[in-house]
Amino acid sequence: MGGEYYKLNTFLKSQGILHRIACAQTHEQNELAECKICHIVYSRLTLLALGGVLFKYQPYAFDNVVKIINYLPSIVTHNSSPYFKLFGKHAHYKAFKVFGCHVFPLLRPYK
């Protein structure tokens, strides 16, 4: 690993995060990365289409899609959001309406 990751590794270590990099030409590791990239790309297209936003704003859509994904709970983080794991506080729902899209919260059935 080159020196370009030194500051990042120092920060991640201080947060208790283990930084791992994928081995080149390893299908098992690259498949996970490709799946996440597809998720981000398709989510960006959805934001642009549902919000009626011009295609020239796609860099902002990428930024917001990654932010939204990091705000959502994940099974990997034991139903906590990556944002909460990193900052220790819950995200604000205002970020979900950036492109005028609808938000449908998951409401558990009442008994």
PDB file of N, CA and C in Angstrom:
ATOM      1  N   MET A   1       0.860  -1.172   0.000  1.00  0.00           N
ATOM      2  CA  MET A   1       0.000   0.000   0.000  1.00  0.00           C
ATOM      3  C   MET A   1       0.902   1.229   0.000  1.00  0.00           C
ATOM      4  N   GLY A   2       0.586   2.182  -0.855  1.00  0.00           N
ATOM      5  CA  GLY A   2       1.378   3.391  -0.981  1.00  0.00           C
ATOM      6  C   GLY A   2       1.118   4.393   0.128  1.00  0.00           C
ATOM      7  N   GLY A   3       1.857   5.471   0.113  1.00  0.00           N
ATOM      8  CA  GLY A   3       1.754   6.490   1.143  1.00  0.00           C
ATOM      9  C   GLY A   3       0.498   7.335   1.059  1.00  0.00           C
ATOM     10  N   GLU A   4      -0.249   7.223  -0.064  1.00  0.00           N
ATOM     11  CA  GLU A   4      -1.444   8.065  -0.212  1.00  0.00           C
ATOM     12  C   GLU A   4      -2.532   7.711   0.796  1.00  0.00           C
ATOM     13  N   TYR A   5      -2.457   6.516   1.396  1.00  0.00           N
ATOM     14  CA  TYR A   5      -3.478   6.101   2.355  1.00  0.00           C
ATOM     15  C   TYR A   5      -3.040   6.296   3.807  1.00  0.00           C
ATOM     16  N   TYR A   6      -1.861   6.854   4.036  1.00  0.00           N
ATOM     17  CA  TYR A   6      -1.342   6.957   5.397  1.00  0.00           C
ATOM     18  C   TYR A   6      -2.271   7.766   6.310  1.00  0.00           C
ATOM     19  N   LYS A   7      -2.683   8.952   5.874  1.00  0.00           N
ATOM     20  CA  LYS A   7      -3.564   9.792   6.695  1.00  0.00           C
ATOM     21  C   LYS A   7      -4.937   9.147   6.874  1.00  0.00           C
ATOM     22  N   LEU A   8      -5.437   8.522   5.811  1.00  0.00           N
ATOM     23  CA  LEU A   8      -6.722   7.845   5.905  1.00  0.00           C
ATOM     24  C   LEU A   8      -6.647   6.695   6.908  1.00  0.00           C
ATOM     25  N   ASN A   9      -5.579   5.891   6.833  1.00  0.00           N
ATOM     26  CA  ASN A   9      -5.426   4.770   7.757  1.00  0.00           C
ATOM     27  C   ASN A   9      -5.312   5.237   9.196  1.00  0.00           C
ATOM     28  N   THR A  10      -4.613   6.340   9.425  1.00  0.00           N
ATOM     29  CA  THR A  10      -4.490   6.887  10.780  1.00  0.00           C
ATOM     30  C   THR A  10      -5.866   7.284  11.311  1.00  0.00           C
ATOM     31  N   PHE A  11      -6.667   7.951  10.476  1.00  0.00           N
ATOM     32  CA  PHE A  11      -8.015   8.347  10.892  1.00  0.00           C
ATOM     33  C   PHE A  11      -8.889   7.132  11.152  1.00  0.00           C
ATOM     34  N   LEU A  12      -8.875   6.168  10.223  1.00  0.00           N
ATOM     35  CA  LEU A  12      -9.711   4.982  10.377  1.00  0.00           C
ATOM     36  C   LEU A  12      -9.327   4.201  11.635  1.00  0.00           C
ATOM     37  N   LYS A  13      -8.033   4.075  11.897  1.00  0.00           N
ATOM     38  CA  LYS A  13      -7.577   3.371  13.099  1.00  0.00           C
ATOM     39  C   LYS A  13      -8.071   4.069  14.362  1.00  0.00           C
ATOM     40  N   SER A  14      -8.060   5.415  14.349  1.00  0.00           N
ATOM     41  CA  SER A  14      -8.524   6.166  15.524  1.00  0.00           C
ATOM     42  C   SER A  14     -10.015   5.970  15.758  1.00  0.00           C
ATOM     43  N   GLN A  15     -10.766   5.591  14.698  1.00  0.00           N
ATOM     44  CA  GLN A  15     -12.198   5.349  14.818  1.00  0.00           C
ATOM     45  C   GLN A  15     -12.509   3.866  15.036  1.00  0.00           C
ATOM     46  N   GLY A  16     -11.468   3.038  15.125  1.00  0.00           N
ATOM     47  CA  GLY A  16     -11.668   1.603  15.330  1.00  0.00           C
ATOM     48  C   GLY A  16     -12.069   0.862  14.066  1.00  0.00           C
ATOM     49  N   ILE A  17     -11.719   1.410  12.914  1.00  0.00           N
ATOM     50  CA  ILE A  17     -12.075   0.809  11.626  1.00  0.00           C
ATOM     51  C   ILE A  17     -10.841   0.168  11.014  1.00  0.00           C
ATOM     52  N   LEU A  18     -10.969  -1.081  10.599  1.00  0.00           N
ATOM     53  CA  LEU A  18      -9.886  -1.790   9.929  1.00  0.00           C
ATOM     54  C   LEU A  18     -10.026  -1.579   8.423  1.00  0.00           C
ATOM     55  N   HIS A  19      -9.004  -0.979   7.812  1.00  0.00           N
ATOM     56  CA  HIS A  19      -9.023  -0.688   6.377  1.00  0.00           C
ATOM     57  C   HIS A  19      -8.420  -1.869   5.627  1.00  0.00           C
ATOM     58  N   ARG A  20      -9.223  -2.467   4.767  1.00  0.00           N
ATOM     59  CA  ARG A  20      -8.752  -3.580   3.948  1.00  0.00           C
ATOM     60  C   ARG A  20      -8.883  -3.188   2.492  1.00  0.00           C
ATOM     61  N   ILE A  21      -7.930  -3.621   1.699  1.00  0.00           N
ATOM     62  CA  ILE A  21      -7.997  -3.354   0.265  1.00  0.00           C
ATOM     63  C   ILE A  21      -8.165  -4.681  -0.460  1.00  0.00           C
ATOM     64  N   ALA A  22      -8.809  -4.631  -1.607  1.00  0.00           N
ATOM     65  CA  ALA A  22      -9.050  -5.843  -2.397  1.00  0.00           C
ATOM     66  C   ALA A  22      -7.797  -6.222  -3.174  1.00  0.00           C
ATOM     67  N   CYS A  23      -7.584  -7.503  -3.303  1.00  0.00           N
ATOM     68  CA  CYS A  23      -6.477  -8.001  -4.116  1.00  0.00           C
ATOM     69  C   CYS A  23      -6.878  -7.907  -5.588  1.00  0.00           C
ATOM     70  N   ALA A  24      -5.936  -7.522  -6.411  1.00  0.00           N
ATOM     71  CA  ALA A  24      -6.207  -7.426  -7.854  1.00  0.00           C
ATOM     72  C   ALA A  24      -6.512  -8.799  -8.437  1.00  0.00           C
ATOM     73  N   GLN A  25      -7.404  -8.824  -9.412  1.00  0.00           N
ATOM     74  CA  GLN A  25      -7.783 -10.044 -10.122  1.00  0.00           C
ATOM     75  C   GLN A  25      -8.407 -11.100  -9.219  1.00  0.00           C
ATOM     76  N   THR A  26      -9.037 -10.669  -8.132  1.00  0.00           N
ATOM     77  CA  THR A  26      -9.711 -11.597  -7.227  1.00  0.00           C
ATOM     78  C   THR A  26     -11.204 -11.433  -7.408  1.00  0.00           C
ATOM     79  N   HIS A  27     -11.823 -12.355  -8.109  1.00  0.00           N
ATOM     80  CA  HIS A  27     -13.238 -12.265  -8.444  1.00  0.00           C
ATOM     81  C   HIS A  27     -14.107 -12.168  -7.195  1.00  0.00           C
ATOM     82  N   GLU A  28     -13.782 -12.913  -6.158  1.00  0.00           N
ATOM     83  CA  GLU A  28     -14.609 -12.923  -4.953  1.00  0.00           C
ATOM     84  C   GLU A  28     -14.701 -11.545  -4.313  1.00  0.00           C
ATOM     85  N   GLN A  29     -13.623 -10.789  -4.350  1.00  0.00           N
ATOM     86  CA  GLN A  29     -13.626  -9.454  -3.751  1.00  0.00           C
ATOM     87  C   GLN A  29     -14.168  -8.409  -4.714  1.00  0.00           C
ATOM     88  N   ASN A  30     -13.840  -8.521  -5.982  1.00  0.00           N
ATOM     89  CA  ASN A  30     -14.272  -7.522  -6.956  1.00  0.00           C
ATOM     90  C   ASN A  30     -15.778  -7.560  -7.187  1.00  0.00           C
ATOM     91  N   GLU A  31     -16.394  -8.719  -7.039  1.00  0.00           N
ATOM     92  CA  GLU A  31     -17.837  -8.838  -7.242  1.00  0.00           C
ATOM     93  C   GLU A  31     -18.612  -7.976  -6.252  1.00  0.00           C
ATOM     94  N   LEU A  32     -18.171  -7.931  -5.008  1.00  0.00           N
ATOM     95  CA  LEU A  32     -18.841  -7.106  -4.001  1.00  0.00           C
ATOM     96  C   LEU A  32     -18.734  -5.621  -4.352  1.00  0.00           C
ATOM     97  N   ALA A  33     -17.563  -5.210  -4.800  1.00  0.00           N
ATOM     98  CA  ALA A  33     -17.373  -3.807  -5.176  1.00  0.00           C
ATOM     99  C   ALA A  33     -18.234  -3.452  -6.383  1.00  0.00           C
ATOM    100  N   GLU A  34     -18.280  -4.338  -7.367  1.00  0.00           N
ATOM    101  CA  GLU A  34     -19.089  -4.082  -8.563  1.00  0.00           C
ATOM    102  C   GLU A  34     -20.569  -3.990  -8.210  1.00  0.00           C
ATOM    103  N   CYS A  35     -21.017  -4.823  -7.292  1.00  0.00           N
ATOM    104  CA  CYS A  35     -22.422  -4.796  -6.868  1.00  0.00           C
ATOM    105  C   CYS A  35     -22.750  -3.460  -6.201  1.00  0.00           C
ATOM    106  N   LYS A  36     -21.866  -2.974  -5.349  1.00  0.00           N
ATOM    107  CA  LYS A  36     -22.097  -1.691  -4.662  1.00  0.00           C
ATOM    108  C   LYS A  36     -22.076  -0.540  -5.669  1.00  0.00           C
ATOM    109  N   ILE A  37     -21.176  -0.601  -6.634  1.00  0.00           N
ATOM    110  CA  ILE A  37     -21.117   0.454  -7.652  1.00  0.00           C
ATOM    111  C   ILE A  37     -22.404   0.468  -8.472  1.00  0.00           C
ATOM    112  N   CYS A  38     -22.906  -0.705  -8.841  1.00  0.00           N
ATOM    113  CA  CYS A  38     -24.179  -0.776  -9.582  1.00  0.00           C
ATOM    114  C   CYS A  38     -25.318  -0.208  -8.745  1.00  0.00           C
ATOM    115  N   HIS A  39     -25.329  -0.505  -7.464  1.00  0.00           N
ATOM    116  CA  HIS A  39     -26.361   0.023  -6.568  1.00  0.00           C
ATOM    117  C   HIS A  39     -26.334   1.548  -6.559  1.00  0.00           C
ATOM    118  N   ILE A  40     -25.139   2.120  -6.488  1.00  0.00           N
ATOM    119  CA  ILE A  40     -25.001   3.582  -6.475  1.00  0.00           C
ATOM    120  C   ILE A  40     -25.442   4.172  -7.814  1.00  0.00           C
ATOM    121  N   VAL A  41     -25.024   3.572  -8.921  1.00  0.00           N
ATOM    122  CA  VAL A  41     -25.362   4.097 -10.246  1.00  0.00           C
ATOM    123  C   VAL A  41     -26.871   4.040 -10.485  1.00  0.00           C
ATOM    124  N   TYR A  42     -27.504   2.904 -10.178  1.00  0.00           N
ATOM    125  CA  TYR A  42     -28.949   2.779 -10.398  1.00  0.00           C
ATOM    126  C   TYR A  42     -29.740   3.693  -9.463  1.00  0.00           C
ATOM    127  N   SER A  43     -29.262   3.866  -8.254  1.00  0.00           N
ATOM    128  CA  SER A  43     -29.935   4.775  -7.323  1.00  0.00           C
ATOM    129  C   SER A  43     -29.835   6.220  -7.811  1.00  0.00           C
ATOM    130  N   ARG A  44     -28.692   6.578  -8.401  1.00  0.00           N
ATOM    131  CA  ARG A  44     -28.519   7.922  -8.963  1.00  0.00           C
ATOM    132  C   ARG A  44     -29.514   8.153 -10.089  1.00  0.00           C
ATOM    133  N   LEU A  45     -29.651   7.170 -10.971  1.00  0.00           N
ATOM    134  CA  LEU A  45     -30.610   7.303 -12.069  1.00  0.00           C
ATOM    135  C   LEU A  45     -32.034   7.445 -11.532  1.00  0.00           C
ATOM    136  N   THR A  46     -32.346   6.727 -10.474  1.00  0.00           N
ATOM    137  CA  THR A  46     -33.671   6.816  -9.867  1.00  0.00           C
ATOM    138  C   THR A  46     -33.910   8.206  -9.288  1.00  0.00           C
ATOM    139  N   LEU A  47     -32.907   8.753  -8.592  1.00  0.00           N
ATOM    140  CA  LEU A  47     -33.056  10.111  -8.043  1.00  0.00           C
ATOM    141  C   LEU A  47     -33.300  11.123  -9.151  1.00  0.00           C
ATOM    142  N   LEU A  48     -32.518  11.035 -10.205  1.00  0.00           N
ATOM    143  CA  LEU A  48     -32.676  11.986 -11.304  1.00  0.00           C
ATOM    144  C   LEU A  48     -34.040  11.849 -11.975  1.00  0.00           C
ATOM    145  N   ALA A  49     -34.481  10.613 -12.198  1.00  0.00           N
ATOM    146  CA  ALA A  49     -35.752  10.386 -12.894  1.00  0.00           C
ATOM    147  C   ALA A  49     -36.947  10.772 -12.034  1.00  0.00           C
ATOM    148  N   LEU A  50     -36.977  10.319 -10.784  1.00  0.00           N
ATOM    149  CA  LEU A  50     -38.127  10.608  -9.926  1.00  0.00           C
ATOM    150  C   LEU A  50     -38.206  12.071  -9.528  1.00  0.00           C
ATOM    151  N   GLY A  51     -37.049  12.697  -9.418  1.00  0.00           N
ATOM    152  CA  GLY A  51     -37.042  14.105  -9.040  1.00  0.00           C
ATOM    153  C   GLY A  51     -37.234  15.046 -10.211  1.00  0.00           C
ATOM    154  N   GLY A  52     -37.218  14.512 -11.431  1.00  0.00           N
ATOM    155  CA  GLY A  52     -37.368  15.358 -12.612  1.00  0.00           C
ATOM    156  C   GLY A  52     -36.203  16.318 -12.772  1.00  0.00           C
ATOM    157  N   VAL A  53     -35.017  15.869 -12.382  1.00  0.00           N
ATOM    158  CA  VAL A  53     -33.831  16.721 -12.402  1.00  0.00           C
ATOM    159  C   VAL A  53     -33.056  16.485 -13.703  1.00  0.00           C
ATOM    160  N   LEU A  54     -32.478  17.534 -14.249  1.00  0.00           N
ATOM    161  CA  LEU A  54     -31.692  17.424 -15.476  1.00  0.00           C
ATOM    162  C   LEU A  54     -30.460  16.546 -15.264  1.00  0.00           C
ATOM    163  N   PHE A  55     -30.066  15.859 -16.329  1.00  0.00           N
ATOM    164  CA  PHE A  55     -28.953  14.922 -16.264  1.00  0.00           C
ATOM    165  C   PHE A  55     -27.632  15.606 -15.915  1.00  0.00           C
ATOM    166  N   LYS A  56     -27.532  16.906 -16.197  1.00  0.00           N
ATOM    167  CA  LYS A  56     -26.273  17.605 -15.910  1.00  0.00           C
ATOM    168  C   LYS A  56     -25.991  17.702 -14.406  1.00  0.00           C
ATOM    169  N   TYR A  57     -26.985  17.400 -13.592  1.00  0.00           N
ATOM    170  CA  TYR A  57     -26.806  17.444 -12.139  1.00  0.00           C
ATOM    171  C   TYR A  57     -26.423  16.088 -11.553  1.00  0.00           C
ATOM    172  N   GLN A  58     -25.974  15.161 -12.399  1.00  0.00           N
ATOM    173  CA  GLN A  58     -25.663  13.828 -11.904  1.00  0.00           C
ATOM    174  C   GLN A  58     -24.541  13.791 -10.867  1.00  0.00           C
ATOM    175  N   PRO A  59     -23.524  14.677 -10.896  1.00  0.00           N
ATOM    176  CA  PRO A  59     -22.527  14.630  -9.816  1.00  0.00           C
ATOM    177  C   PRO A  59     -23.158  14.868  -8.440  1.00  0.00           C
ATOM    178  N   TYR A  60     -24.149  15.754  -8.374  1.00  0.00           N
ATOM    179  CA  TYR A  60     -24.840  16.002  -7.109  1.00  0.00           C
ATOM    180  C   TYR A  60     -25.685  14.790  -6.716  1.00  0.00           C
ATOM    181  N   ALA A  61     -26.220  14.114  -7.714  1.00  0.00           N
ATOM    182  CA  ALA A  61     -27.006  12.916  -7.442  1.00  0.00           C
ATOM    183  C   ALA A  61     -26.110  11.825  -6.859  1.00  0.00           C
ATOM    184  N   PHE A  62     -24.913  11.648  -7.407  1.00  0.00           N
ATOM    185  CA  PHE A  62     -23.975  10.664  -6.860  1.00  0.00           C
ATOM    186  C   PHE A  62     -23.665  10.973  -5.403  1.00  0.00           C
ATOM    187  N   ASP A  63     -23.369  12.225  -5.136  1.00  0.00           N
ATOM    188  CA  ASP A  63     -23.043  12.640  -3.768  1.00  0.00           C
ATOM    189  C   ASP A  63     -24.188  12.319  -2.817  1.00  0.00           C
ATOM    190  N   ASN A  64     -25.402  12.635  -3.232  1.00  0.00           N
ATOM    191  CA  ASN A  64     -26.553  12.426  -2.361  1.00  0.00           C
ATOM    192  C   ASN A  64     -26.931  10.954  -2.230  1.00  0.00           C
ATOM    193  N   VAL A  65     -26.740  10.174  -3.279  1.00  0.00           N
ATOM    194  CA  VAL A  65     -27.036   8.744  -3.195  1.00  0.00           C
ATOM    195  C   VAL A  65     -26.122   8.079  -2.174  1.00  0.00           C
ATOM    196  N   VAL A  66     -24.839   8.395  -2.222  1.00  0.00           N
ATOM    197  CA  VAL A  66     -23.905   7.804  -1.266  1.00  0.00           C
ATOM    198  C   VAL A  66     -24.263   8.241   0.151  1.00  0.00           C
ATOM    199  N   LYS A  67     -24.649   9.506   0.314  1.00  0.00           N
ATOM    200  CA  LYS A  67     -25.064  10.001   1.630  1.00  0.00           C
ATOM    201  C   LYS A  67     -26.298   9.245   2.126  1.00  0.00           C
ATOM    202  N   ILE A  68     -27.276   9.072   1.265  1.00  0.00           N
ATOM    203  CA  ILE A  68     -28.510   8.380   1.645  1.00  0.00           C
ATOM    204  C   ILE A  68     -28.223   6.917   1.996  1.00  0.00           C
ATOM    205  N   ILE A  69     -27.393   6.257   1.201  1.00  0.00           N
ATOM    206  CA  ILE A  69     -27.047   4.862   1.488  1.00  0.00           C
ATOM    207  C   ILE A  69     -26.372   4.760   2.858  1.00  0.00           C
ATOM    208  N   ASN A  70     -25.520   5.714   3.173  1.00  0.00           N
ATOM    209  CA  ASN A  70     -24.845   5.694   4.469  1.00  0.00           C
ATOM    210  C   ASN A  70     -25.786   6.025   5.628  1.00  0.00           C
ATOM    211  N   TYR A  71     -26.921   6.648   5.350  1.00  0.00           N
ATOM    212  CA  TYR A  71     -27.898   6.958   6.395  1.00  0.00           C
ATOM    213  C   TYR A  71     -28.841   5.785   6.668  1.00  0.00           C
ATOM    214  N   LEU A  72     -28.917   4.834   5.754  1.00  0.00           N
ATOM    215  CA  LEU A  72     -29.867   3.731   5.896  1.00  0.00           C
ATOM    216  C   LEU A  72     -29.297   2.614   6.769  1.00  0.00           C
ATOM    217  N   PRO A  73     -30.141   1.995   7.597  1.00  0.00           N
ATOM    218  CA  PRO A  73     -29.663   0.864   8.412  1.00  0.00           C
ATOM    219  C   PRO A  73     -29.238  -0.296   7.531  1.00  0.00           C
ATOM    220  N   SER A  74     -28.309  -1.070   8.026  1.00  0.00           N
ATOM    221  CA  SER A  74     -27.777  -2.193   7.269  1.00  0.00           C
ATOM    222  C   SER A  74     -27.679  -3.425   8.162  1.00  0.00           C
ATOM    223  N   ILE A  75     -27.871  -4.580   7.563  1.00  0.00           N
ATOM    224  CA  ILE A  75     -27.724  -5.837   8.303  1.00  0.00           C
ATOM    225  C   ILE A  75     -26.271  -6.005   8.740  1.00  0.00           C
ATOM    226  N   VAL A  76     -25.344  -5.568   7.889  1.00  0.00           N
ATOM    227  CA  VAL A  76     -23.913  -5.696   8.181  1.00  0.00           C
ATOM    228  C   VAL A  76     -23.542  -4.955   9.460  1.00  0.00           C
ATOM    229  N   THR A  77     -24.186  -3.835   9.709  1.00  0.00           N
ATOM    230  CA  THR A  77     -23.899  -3.039  10.909  1.00  0.00           C
ATOM    231  C   THR A  77     -24.930  -3.271  12.005  1.00  0.00           C
ATOM    232  N   HIS A  78     -25.549  -4.445  12.008  1.00  0.00           N
ATOM    233  CA  HIS A  78     -26.533  -4.846  13.026  1.00  0.00           C
ATOM    234  C   HIS A  78     -27.700  -3.859  13.114  1.00  0.00           C
ATOM    235  N   ASN A  79     -28.300  -3.570  11.968  1.00  0.00           N
ATOM    236  CA  ASN A  79     -29.454  -2.670  11.829  1.00  0.00           C
ATOM    237  C   ASN A  79     -29.173  -1.260  12.330  1.00  0.00           C
ATOM    238  N   SER A  80     -27.948  -0.860  12.239  1.00  0.00           N
ATOM    239  CA  SER A  80     -27.556   0.514  12.522  1.00  0.00           C
ATOM    240  C   SER A  80     -27.040   1.093  11.210  1.00  0.00           C
ATOM    241  N   SER A  81     -27.032   2.384  11.083  1.00  0.00           N
ATOM    242  CA  SER A  81     -26.544   2.977   9.840  1.00  0.00           C
ATOM    243  C   SER A  81     -25.033   3.168   9.914  1.00  0.00           C
ATOM    244  N   PRO A  82     -24.356   3.116   8.766  1.00  0.00           N
ATOM    245  CA  PRO A  82     -22.925   3.426   8.766  1.00  0.00           C
ATOM    246  C   PRO A  82     -22.643   4.821   9.327  1.00  0.00           C
ATOM    247  N   TYR A  83     -23.541   5.763   9.074  1.00  0.00           N
ATOM    248  CA  TYR A  83     -23.391   7.118   9.606  1.00  0.00           C
ATOM    249  C   TYR A  83     -23.365   7.098  11.129  1.00  0.00           C
ATOM    250  N   PHE A  84     -24.279   6.328  11.730  1.00  0.00           N
ATOM    251  CA  PHE A  84     -24.337   6.237  13.191  1.00  0.00           C
ATOM    252  C   PHE A  84     -23.081   5.574  13.741  1.00  0.00           C
ATOM    253  N   LYS A  85     -22.613   4.537  13.064  1.00  0.00           N
ATOM    254  CA  LYS A  85     -21.402   3.848  13.514  1.00  0.00           C
ATOM    255  C   LYS A  85     -20.191   4.774  13.499  1.00  0.00           C
ATOM    256  N   LEU A  86     -20.130   5.665  12.515  1.00  0.00           N
ATOM    257  CA  LEU A  86     -18.977   6.545  12.372  1.00  0.00           C
ATOM    258  C   LEU A  86     -19.058   7.762  13.293  1.00  0.00           C
ATOM    259  N   PHE A  87     -20.246   8.382  13.379  1.00  0.00           N
ATOM    260  CA  PHE A  87     -20.375   9.638  14.115  1.00  0.00           C
ATOM    261  C   PHE A  87     -21.073   9.515  15.468  1.00  0.00           C
ATOM    262  N   GLY A  88     -21.704   8.380  15.755  1.00  0.00           N
ATOM    263  CA  GLY A  88     -22.359   8.184  17.043  1.00  0.00           C
ATOM    264  C   GLY A  88     -23.661   8.939  17.210  1.00  0.00           C
ATOM    265  N   LYS A  89     -24.238   9.415  16.120  1.00  0.00           N
ATOM    266  CA  LYS A  89     -25.541  10.100  16.179  1.00  0.00           C
ATOM    267  C   LYS A  89     -26.334   9.744  14.937  1.00  0.00           C
ATOM    268  N   HIS A  90     -27.635   9.881  15.026  1.00  0.00           N
ATOM    269  CA  HIS A  90     -28.507   9.543  13.901  1.00  0.00           C
ATOM    270  C   HIS A  90     -28.553  10.675  12.894  1.00  0.00           C
ATOM    271  N   ALA A  91     -28.744  10.315  11.644  1.00  0.00           N
ATOM    272  CA  ALA A  91     -28.807  11.284  10.559  1.00  0.00           C
ATOM    273  C   ALA A  91     -30.165  11.983  10.549  1.00  0.00           C
ATOM    274  N   HIS A  92     -30.213  13.121   9.893  1.00  0.00           N
ATOM    275  CA  HIS A  92     -31.458  13.862   9.752  1.00  0.00           C
ATOM    276  C   HIS A  92     -32.172  13.423   8.482  1.00  0.00           C
ATOM    277  N   TYR A  93     -33.483  13.349   8.516  1.00  0.00           N
ATOM    278  CA  TYR A  93     -34.251  12.914   7.357  1.00  0.00           C
ATOM    279  C   TYR A  93     -34.335  13.972   6.264  1.00  0.00           C
ATOM    280  N   LYS A  94     -33.895  15.174   6.528  1.00  0.00           N
ATOM    281  CA  LYS A  94     -33.937  16.230   5.514  1.00  0.00           C
ATOM    282  C   LYS A  94     -33.145  15.850   4.267  1.00  0.00           C
ATOM    283  N   ALA A  95     -32.110  15.049   4.436  1.00  0.00           N
ATOM    284  CA  ALA A  95     -31.251  14.679   3.307  1.00  0.00           C
ATOM    285  C   ALA A  95     -31.982  13.818   2.288  1.00  0.00           C
ATOM    286  N   PHE A  96     -33.059  13.170   2.669  1.00  0.00           N
ATOM    287  CA  PHE A  96     -33.762  12.284   1.756  1.00  0.00           C
ATOM    288  C   PHE A  96     -34.606  13.019   0.730  1.00  0.00           C
ATOM    289  N   LYS A  97     -34.866  14.306   0.891  1.00  0.00           N
ATOM    290  CA  LYS A  97     -35.752  15.024  -0.034  1.00  0.00           C
ATOM    291  C   LYS A  97     -34.990  16.012  -0.904  1.00  0.00           C
ATOM    292  N   VAL A  98     -33.712  15.807  -1.071  1.00  0.00           N
ATOM    293  CA  VAL A  98     -32.881  16.743  -1.812  1.00  0.00           C
ATOM    294  C   VAL A  98     -33.360  16.927  -3.246  1.00  0.00           C
ATOM    295  N   PHE A  99     -33.741  15.835  -3.905  1.00  0.00           N
ATOM    296  CA  PHE A  99     -34.168  15.906  -5.289  1.00  0.00           C
ATOM    297  C   PHE A  99     -35.685  15.865  -5.440  1.00  0.00           C
ATOM    298  N   GLY A 100     -36.410  16.102  -4.380  1.00  0.00           N
ATOM    299  CA  GLY A 100     -37.866  16.118  -4.467  1.00  0.00           C
ATOM    300  C   GLY A 100     -38.490  14.740  -4.511  1.00  0.00           C
ATOM    301  N   CYS A 101     -37.737  13.721  -4.149  1.00  0.00           N
ATOM    302  CA  CYS A 101     -38.268  12.364  -4.150  1.00  0.00           C
ATOM    303  C   CYS A 101     -39.095  12.122  -2.893  1.00  0.00           C
ATOM    304  N   HIS A 102     -39.990  11.167  -2.978  1.00  0.00           N
ATOM    305  CA  HIS A 102     -40.819  10.820  -1.839  1.00  0.00           C
ATOM    306  C   HIS A 102     -40.050   9.934  -0.880  1.00  0.00           C
ATOM    307  N   VAL A 103     -40.393  10.042   0.406  1.00  0.00           N
ATOM    308  CA  VAL A 103     -39.792   9.197   1.425  1.00  0.00           C
ATOM    309  C   VAL A 103     -40.888   8.331   2.015  1.00  0.00           C
ATOM    310  N   PHE A 104     -40.639   7.046   2.072  1.00  0.00           N
ATOM    311  CA  PHE A 104     -41.580   6.112   2.672  1.00  0.00           C
ATOM    312  C   PHE A 104     -40.895   5.407   3.832  1.00  0.00           C
ATOM    313  N   PRO A 105     -41.113   5.876   5.052  1.00  0.00           N
ATOM    314  CA  PRO A 105     -40.450   5.230   6.196  1.00  0.00           C
ATOM    315  C   PRO A 105     -41.021   3.861   6.450  1.00  0.00           C
ATOM    316  N   LEU A 106     -40.197   2.980   6.974  1.00  0.00           N
ATOM    317  CA  LEU A 106     -40.655   1.642   7.314  1.00  0.00           C
ATOM    318  C   LEU A 106     -41.383   1.705   8.670  1.00  0.00           C
ATOM    319  N   LEU A 107     -42.681   1.509   8.646  1.00  0.00           N
ATOM    320  CA  LEU A 107     -43.467   1.509   9.876  1.00  0.00           C
ATOM    321  C   LEU A 107     -43.830   0.067  10.208  1.00  0.00           C
ATOM    322  N   ARG A 108     -43.457  -0.349  11.365  1.00  0.00           N
ATOM    323  CA  ARG A 108     -43.763  -1.713  11.793  1.00  0.00           C
ATOM    324  C   ARG A 108     -45.276  -1.821  12.042  1.00  0.00           C
ATOM    325  N   PRO A 109     -45.854  -3.004  11.788  1.00  0.00           N
ATOM    326  CA  PRO A 109     -47.297  -3.147  11.996  1.00  0.00           C
ATOM    327  C   PRO A 109     -47.672  -2.996  13.463  1.00  0.00           C
ATOM    328  N   TYR A 110     -48.759  -2.300  13.673  1.00  0.00           N
ATOM    329  CA  TYR A 110     -49.240  -2.100  15.039  1.00  0.00           C
ATOM    330  C   TYR A 110     -50.074  -3.298  15.451  1.00  0.00           C
ATOM    331  N   LYS A 111     -50.024  -3.654  16.731  1.00  0.00           N
ATOM    332  CA  LYS A 111     -50.807  -4.805  17.221  1.00  0.00           C
ATOM    333  C   LYS A 111     -52.085  -4.305  17.850  1.00  0.00           C
TER     334      LYS A 111
END
